[in-house]
């Protein structure tokens, strides 16, 4: 059980879930900072197998294996278009 006012990631059965006010936010897709890293949350869970671009606060980020990769510099093909990535952000 998670305290009612808690917003965090919680590990359960080897999967991390995004908990908002003590409940899994199963309708939430976002980026969340946890222990110094940024994670891609898809439908309330860390999307650990996902490599994609994610828009967060008007900026696009490169996510590799469910985590924002701020060290990535290069190209990424997404939704029919090539994007240039610098330090994990679309340039």
Protein backbone atom coordinates (compact mmCIF):
# COMPACT_ATOMS: atom_id res chain seq x y z
CA UNK A 1 0.00 0.00 0.00
CA UNK A 2 1.22 3.52 -0.86
CA UNK A 3 0.39 6.60 1.23
CA UNK A 4 -2.51 8.63 -0.20
CA UNK A 5 -0.53 11.79 -0.96
CA UNK A 6 2.46 10.02 -2.58
CA UNK A 7 3.55 10.68 -6.17
CA UNK A 8 6.46 8.46 -7.22
CA UNK A 9 7.51 5.34 -9.10
CA UNK A 10 6.81 2.06 -7.31
CA UNK A 11 8.30 -1.31 -8.20
CA UNK A 12 5.92 -4.27 -8.16
CA UNK A 13 6.62 -7.68 -9.76
CA UNK A 14 9.73 -6.34 -11.57
CA UNK A 15 7.74 -3.51 -13.18
CA UNK A 16 7.75 0.19 -12.21
CA UNK A 17 4.40 1.97 -11.95
CA UNK A 18 3.70 5.70 -11.77
CA UNK A 19 1.72 6.41 -8.62
CA UNK A 20 -0.11 9.73 -8.16
CA UNK A 21 -1.83 10.47 -4.86
CA UNK A 22 -1.36 6.86 -3.79
CA UNK A 23 -2.91 5.25 -6.92
CA UNK A 24 -1.45 3.92 -10.16
CA UNK A 25 -2.03 6.58 -12.84
CA UNK A 26 -2.97 4.05 -15.54
CA UNK A 27 -4.26 6.76 -17.89
CA UNK A 28 -1.02 8.79 -17.78
CA UNK A 29 1.64 9.05 -20.49
CA UNK A 30 4.51 11.40 -19.60
CA UNK A 31 8.13 11.70 -18.51
CA UNK A 32 8.95 11.41 -14.81
CA UNK A 33 12.17 12.16 -12.95
CA UNK A 34 13.08 9.46 -10.45
CA UNK A 35 16.39 9.11 -8.58
CA UNK A 36 18.18 11.45 -11.00
CA UNK A 37 16.97 9.87 -14.27
CA UNK A 38 13.99 10.60 -16.51
CA UNK A 39 11.67 7.72 -17.42
CA UNK A 40 8.99 7.36 -20.07
CA UNK A 41 5.64 6.49 -18.50
CA UNK A 42 3.09 4.92 -20.82
CA UNK A 43 -0.34 4.17 -19.39
CA UNK A 44 0.99 4.34 -15.86
CA UNK A 45 4.04 2.08 -16.29
CA UNK A 46 7.67 2.63 -17.20
CA UNK A 47 7.90 1.59 -20.85
CA UNK A 48 11.24 -0.17 -20.45
CA UNK A 49 11.36 -1.76 -23.91
CA UNK A 50 10.50 1.45 -25.76
CA UNK A 51 12.80 3.57 -27.92
CA UNK A 52 10.97 6.62 -29.26
CA UNK A 53 10.59 10.40 -29.14
CA UNK A 54 8.41 11.85 -26.38
CA UNK A 55 7.07 15.39 -26.16
CA UNK A 56 7.28 16.86 -22.67
CA UNK A 57 6.74 20.53 -21.80
CA UNK A 58 7.05 21.67 -25.46
CA UNK A 59 10.34 19.80 -26.03
CA UNK A 60 10.90 16.44 -27.74
CA UNK A 61 13.21 13.95 -25.99
CA UNK A 62 14.93 10.80 -27.21
CA UNK A 63 13.94 7.81 -25.07
CA UNK A 64 15.91 4.57 -25.25
CA UNK A 65 14.71 1.50 -23.36
CA UNK A 66 12.21 3.61 -21.41
CA UNK A 67 14.71 6.21 -20.20
CA UNK A 68 15.66 9.63 -21.62
CA UNK A 69 19.15 9.28 -23.11
CA UNK A 70 20.72 12.71 -22.63
CA UNK A 71 24.01 11.37 -24.01
CA UNK A 72 22.61 10.52 -27.43
CA UNK A 73 23.66 12.59 -30.43
CA UNK A 74 22.60 11.46 -33.89
CA UNK A 75 19.60 10.81 -36.08
CA UNK A 76 16.34 9.09 -35.22
CA UNK A 77 13.54 8.11 -37.58
CA UNK A 78 10.10 8.77 -36.06
CA UNK A 79 6.64 8.91 -37.63
CA UNK A 80 8.00 9.03 -41.18
CA UNK A 81 10.62 11.70 -40.59
CA UNK A 82 14.31 11.83 -39.62
CA UNK A 83 15.15 13.97 -36.60
CA UNK A 84 18.51 15.27 -35.41
CA UNK A 85 19.07 14.59 -31.71
CA UNK A 86 21.58 16.55 -29.61
CA UNK A 87 22.09 15.65 -25.96
CA UNK A 88 18.88 13.64 -25.96
CA UNK A 89 16.71 16.46 -27.35
CA UNK A 90 15.41 17.12 -30.84
CA UNK A 91 17.58 19.91 -32.23
